[in-house]
Protein backbone atom coordinates (compact mmCIF):
# COMPACT_ATOMS: atom_id res chain seq x y z
CA MET A 1 93.73 228.43 -145.14
CA ASP A 2 96.71 227.32 -143.06
CA SER A 3 94.47 226.13 -140.21
CA LEU A 4 91.86 224.30 -142.33
CA ALA A 5 91.62 220.70 -141.09
CA ARG A 6 88.33 219.51 -142.59
CA VAL A 7 85.93 220.47 -145.35
CA ASP A 8 82.44 219.04 -144.83
CA GLY A 9 81.21 219.71 -148.36
CA ARG A 10 82.82 219.56 -151.76
CA MET A 11 86.23 221.09 -152.26
CA TYR A 12 87.41 222.32 -155.64
CA VAL A 13 90.95 223.29 -156.55
CA ARG A 14 90.48 223.87 -160.25
CA ASP A 15 91.07 226.17 -163.18
CA ASN A 16 94.09 227.90 -161.64
CA PRO A 17 96.53 228.22 -164.55
CA VAL A 18 99.45 229.57 -162.47
CA LEU A 19 98.96 227.50 -159.29
CA THR A 20 102.16 225.51 -158.73
CA SER A 21 101.62 224.27 -155.18
CA LEU A 22 98.92 223.26 -152.70
CA SER A 23 100.85 224.65 -149.76
CA GLY A 24 98.51 226.16 -147.23
CA LEU A 25 96.39 223.00 -147.10
CA ASP A 26 98.95 221.22 -144.93
CA ARG A 27 96.49 220.56 -142.06
CA LEU A 28 93.61 219.27 -144.21
CA SER A 29 93.03 215.73 -142.98
CA SER A 30 89.54 215.01 -144.31
CA ALA A 31 87.28 216.03 -147.17
CA GLY A 32 83.70 215.35 -146.11
CA ARG A 33 82.39 214.95 -149.65
CA ASP A 34 84.20 215.26 -152.93
CA LEU A 35 87.67 216.63 -153.63
CA PHE A 36 88.51 217.86 -157.11
CA VAL A 37 92.05 218.84 -158.11
CA SER A 38 91.60 219.64 -161.76
CA ASP A 39 92.76 221.78 -164.64
CA ASN A 40 95.65 223.43 -162.82
CA ALA A 41 98.13 223.62 -165.70
CA ALA A 42 101.20 224.60 -163.64
CA LEU A 43 100.61 222.33 -160.62
CA THR A 44 103.68 220.11 -160.32
CA SER A 45 102.92 218.25 -157.10
CA LEU A 46 100.22 217.45 -154.57
CA GLN A 47 102.55 218.46 -151.74
CA GLY A 48 100.39 220.36 -149.28
CA LEU A 49 97.90 217.50 -148.98
CA GLY A 50 100.29 215.55 -146.77
CA ALA A 51 97.83 215.31 -143.86
CA LEU A 52 94.89 214.15 -146.01
CA ALA A 53 93.80 210.73 -144.74
CA THR A 54 90.20 210.39 -145.99
CA VAL A 55 88.06 211.62 -148.85
CA GLU A 56 84.47 210.69 -148.08
CA GLY A 57 83.25 210.98 -151.67
CA LEU A 58 84.78 211.26 -155.12
CA PHE A 59 88.47 212.12 -155.38
CA GLN A 60 89.36 213.38 -158.84
CA VAL A 61 92.80 214.36 -160.11
CA HIS A 62 92.21 215.55 -163.66
CA GLY A 63 93.85 217.68 -166.31
CA ASN A 64 96.85 218.87 -164.29
CA ASP A 65 99.29 218.99 -167.20
CA SER A 66 102.49 219.52 -165.15
CA LEU A 67 101.77 216.96 -162.42
CA THR A 68 104.36 214.16 -162.56
CA SER A 69 103.41 211.98 -159.57
CA LEU A 70 101.01 211.73 -156.64
CA ALA A 71 103.70 212.79 -154.20
CA GLY A 72 102.05 214.58 -151.32
CA LEU A 73 99.31 212.02 -150.70
CA ASP A 74 101.47 210.11 -148.23
CA THR A 75 98.77 209.69 -145.57
CA LEU A 76 95.75 209.09 -147.81
CA SER A 77 94.33 205.75 -146.68
CA GLN A 78 90.67 205.81 -147.80
CA VAL A 79 88.54 207.14 -150.61
CA GLN A 80 84.98 206.35 -149.63
CA GLY A 81 83.67 207.12 -153.09
CA THR A 82 85.33 206.82 -156.49
CA LEU A 83 88.96 207.58 -157.37
CA ARG A 84 89.52 209.12 -160.81
CA ILE A 85 93.02 209.93 -162.12
CA GLU A 86 92.57 211.20 -165.64
CA SER A 87 94.15 213.27 -168.38
CA ASN A 88 97.25 214.38 -166.49
CA GLU A 89 99.67 214.83 -169.39
CA ALA A 90 103.00 214.60 -167.50
CA LEU A 91 101.92 212.05 -164.87
CA ALA A 92 104.53 209.30 -165.16
CA SER A 93 104.29 207.78 -161.67
CA LEU A 94 101.66 207.12 -159.03
CA SER A 95 104.23 207.17 -156.26
CA GLY A 96 103.23 209.14 -153.21
CA ALA A 97 99.89 207.41 -152.64
CA GLU A 98 101.16 204.00 -151.55
CA SER A 99 99.32 204.29 -148.22
CA LEU A 100 95.94 204.04 -149.99
CA GLU A 101 94.27 200.96 -148.55
CA ALA A 102 90.63 201.21 -149.63
CA VAL A 103 88.48 202.73 -152.36
CA PHE A 104 84.82 201.98 -151.67
CA GLY A 105 83.73 202.94 -155.18
CA SER A 106 85.40 202.48 -158.53
CA VAL A 107 88.95 203.29 -159.62
CA THR A 108 89.56 204.89 -163.02
CA ILE A 109 93.05 205.65 -164.32
CA GLU A 110 92.87 206.78 -167.93
CA ASP A 111 94.23 209.14 -170.55
CA ASN A 112 97.48 209.82 -168.68
CA THR A 113 99.75 209.73 -171.72
CA ALA A 114 103.06 209.52 -169.80
CA LEU A 115 101.87 206.89 -167.29
CA PRO A 116 102.79 203.31 -168.19
CA THR A 117 99.81 200.97 -167.98
CA LEU A 118 101.89 198.53 -165.92
CA VAL A 119 102.49 201.24 -163.31
CA ALA A 120 98.74 201.88 -163.10
CA ARG A 121 98.04 198.15 -162.73
CA GLY A 122 100.67 197.83 -160.01
CA PHE A 123 99.20 200.77 -158.12
CA VAL A 124 95.70 199.26 -158.22
CA ALA A 125 97.05 195.86 -157.15
CA GLY A 126 98.47 197.52 -154.03
CA ILE A 127 95.04 198.73 -152.85
CA ASP A 128 93.61 196.23 -150.35
CA PHE A 129 89.91 196.86 -151.11
CA ILE A 130 88.09 198.27 -154.13
CA GLY A 131 84.29 198.21 -153.91
CA GLY A 132 83.50 198.94 -157.55
CA SER A 133 84.96 198.47 -160.99
CA VAL A 134 88.50 199.18 -162.14
CA VAL A 135 89.15 200.96 -165.44
CA ILE A 136 92.71 201.39 -166.68
CA GLU A 137 92.88 202.56 -170.28
CA ASP A 138 94.49 204.90 -172.77
CA ASN A 139 97.63 205.40 -170.71
CA ALA A 140 101.17 204.91 -172.04
CA PRO A 141 102.05 201.38 -173.22
């Protein structure tokens, strides 16, 4: 998958209990529909998605118990659907996605037990445009 630059449909990276890295996706710059990174218990980073600039649908980061930050999303500027960051047990920081300028749908950041609510609020405040609702709940105090 080293040469993959675009996926026109949905892309799932999920239910891989020993996956520690997304290397091999380094050229992926656009997901034409939804992108799911979920339930990868050993995934520690989103490094490998460094060229990703646009997700044209839902972008979900869910249930990645070893993920500590969003490092690796350095060029992500737009999510044209909804952004959901949920139930990532070790997620303590949203650093790495500071280039995100617009989410055309809603933003949900919830059930990340190591993520301080103030960090989530600060991250959302740094997004220039959000077209839907914002839900930040059940994160760390």
